[in-house]
Amino acid sequence: MLVRDGCLDDARALVPEMVAATRRDEPGALTYEYFLSEDGSSCHIYERYADSQAVMAHLGNFGTHFADRFMACFEPTSLSVYGPASNEVRDALAGFGATHLGLLAGFSR
């Protein structure tokens, strides 16, 4: 996703707040990491959840507490969902143009 012009400082303040809230309030969020390009113009998020219920909990918290500020700072450009997702998750992410990919082969440790 892109960092909106003039919003880098706001993004740098918002993201640690979101990470802290997710860590504190969402035990089903297994990984929640933000990566910023060297020039501060783009950001990638890596999120991993225990199951679809945990994804929905995150989306609820995000929508209630952070969505407006997040969208003011960032312009989403793509969203990839890896692995199984419930129909509820698919429906919730459809508006973001989510691409869903199933596992072909591999492992996680």
Protein backbone atom coordinates (compact mmCIF):
# COMPACT_ATOMS: atom_id res chain seq x y z
CA MET A 1 0.00 0.00 0.00
CA LEU A 2 1.06 3.56 -0.48
CA VAL A 3 1.69 6.09 2.27
CA ARG A 4 -0.39 9.13 1.38
CA ASP A 5 1.54 12.33 0.69
CA GLY A 6 2.27 14.24 3.87
CA CYS A 7 1.08 11.38 6.10
CA LEU A 8 4.30 9.59 7.00
CA ASP A 9 4.50 11.09 10.49
CA ASP A 10 0.85 10.24 11.16
CA ALA A 11 1.45 6.69 9.92
CA ARG A 12 4.51 6.33 12.14
CA ALA A 13 2.36 7.33 15.14
CA LEU A 14 -0.66 5.19 14.21
CA VAL A 15 1.01 1.89 13.38
CA PRO A 16 2.62 1.24 16.80
CA GLU A 17 -0.75 2.00 18.42
CA MET A 18 -2.45 -0.53 16.15
CA VAL A 19 0.24 -3.13 16.79
CA ALA A 20 -0.04 -2.69 20.56
CA ALA A 21 -3.84 -2.98 20.51
CA THR A 22 -3.73 -6.05 18.28
CA ARG A 23 -1.13 -7.72 20.50
CA ARG A 24 -3.09 -6.89 23.65
CA ASP A 25 -6.65 -7.61 22.50
CA GLU A 26 -6.42 -10.31 19.82
CA PRO A 27 -4.86 -13.60 20.93
CA GLY A 28 -5.73 -15.13 17.55
CA ALA A 29 -3.44 -12.68 15.75
CA LEU A 30 -0.27 -14.75 15.43
CA THR A 31 1.80 -12.32 13.36
CA TYR A 32 1.14 -8.63 12.76
CA GLU A 33 4.04 -6.77 11.17
CA TYR A 34 4.42 -3.57 9.16
CA PHE A 35 7.32 -3.00 6.79
CA LEU A 36 8.15 0.48 5.44
CA SER A 37 10.15 1.18 2.27
CA GLU A 38 13.41 3.09 2.70
CA ASP A 39 11.91 6.21 1.14
CA GLY A 40 8.76 6.01 3.30
CA SER A 41 6.44 5.89 0.30
CA SER A 42 5.07 2.36 0.64
CA CYS A 43 4.24 -0.08 3.38
CA HIS A 44 3.55 -3.81 3.43
CA ILE A 45 1.69 -5.58 6.19
CA TYR A 46 2.17 -9.23 7.05
CA GLU A 47 -0.67 -10.64 9.13
CA ARG A 48 -1.23 -14.25 10.17
CA TYR A 49 -4.22 -15.48 12.16
CA ALA A 50 -5.13 -18.69 13.97
CA ASP A 51 -8.37 -19.04 12.01
CA SER A 52 -11.14 -17.14 10.24
CA GLN A 53 -12.77 -16.23 13.56
CA ALA A 54 -9.56 -14.42 14.58
CA VAL A 55 -9.56 -12.55 11.25
CA MET A 56 -13.12 -11.38 11.88
CA ALA A 57 -12.20 -10.27 15.41
CA HIS A 58 -9.36 -8.22 13.95
CA LEU A 59 -11.54 -6.69 11.26
CA GLY A 60 -14.10 -5.70 13.91
CA ASN A 61 -11.48 -4.04 16.11
CA PHE A 62 -9.84 -2.37 13.13
CA GLY A 63 -13.15 -1.00 11.90
CA THR A 64 -14.17 0.29 15.31
CA HIS A 65 -10.88 1.84 16.41
CA PHE A 66 -8.55 2.49 13.48
CA ALA A 67 -10.11 2.35 10.00
CA ASP A 68 -10.69 6.08 9.52
CA ARG A 69 -7.20 7.07 10.64
CA PHE A 70 -5.63 4.18 8.71
CA MET A 71 -7.36 5.11 5.45
CA ALA A 72 -6.31 8.74 5.93
CA CYS A 73 -2.65 7.59 6.10
CA PHE A 74 -2.57 4.74 3.59
CA GLU A 75 -3.88 3.90 0.14
CA PRO A 76 -4.33 0.12 -0.15
CA THR A 77 -3.12 -1.23 -3.49
CA SER A 78 -3.51 -5.00 -3.09
CA LEU A 79 -4.54 -7.65 -0.59
CA SER A 80 -3.56 -11.32 -0.79
CA VAL A 81 -5.08 -13.96 1.47
CA TYR A 82 -3.04 -17.13 1.81
CA GLY A 83 -4.74 -20.35 2.87
CA PRO A 84 -8.32 -21.15 3.78
CA ALA A 85 -10.76 -18.36 4.60
CA SER A 86 -14.39 -18.66 5.60
CA ASN A 87 -17.12 -17.18 3.44
CA GLU A 88 -17.55 -14.52 6.13
CA VAL A 89 -13.91 -13.48 5.75
CA ARG A 90 -14.15 -13.59 1.95
CA ASP A 91 -17.23 -11.36 2.04
CA ALA A 92 -15.61 -8.94 4.51
CA LEU A 93 -12.50 -8.56 2.33
CA ALA A 94 -14.23 -8.49 -1.05
CA GLY A 95 -14.46 -4.70 -1.03
CA PHE A 96 -10.67 -4.51 -0.82
CA GLY A 97 -10.28 -6.63 -3.96
CA ALA A 98 -8.72 -9.50 -2.02
CA THR A 99 -7.06 -12.28 -4.00
CA HIS A 100 -7.36 -15.69 -2.32
CA LEU A 101 -4.63 -18.29 -2.79
CA GLY A 102 -4.68 -21.89 -1.60
CA LEU A 103 -1.58 -23.76 -0.50
CA LEU A 104 -0.02 -25.82 -3.27
CA ALA A 105 2.84 -27.23 -1.16
CA GLY A 106 5.13 -26.15 1.67
CA PHE A 107 5.33 -25.86 5.44
CA SER A 108 5.60 -23.43 8.35
CA ARG A 109 7.69 -24.03 11.42
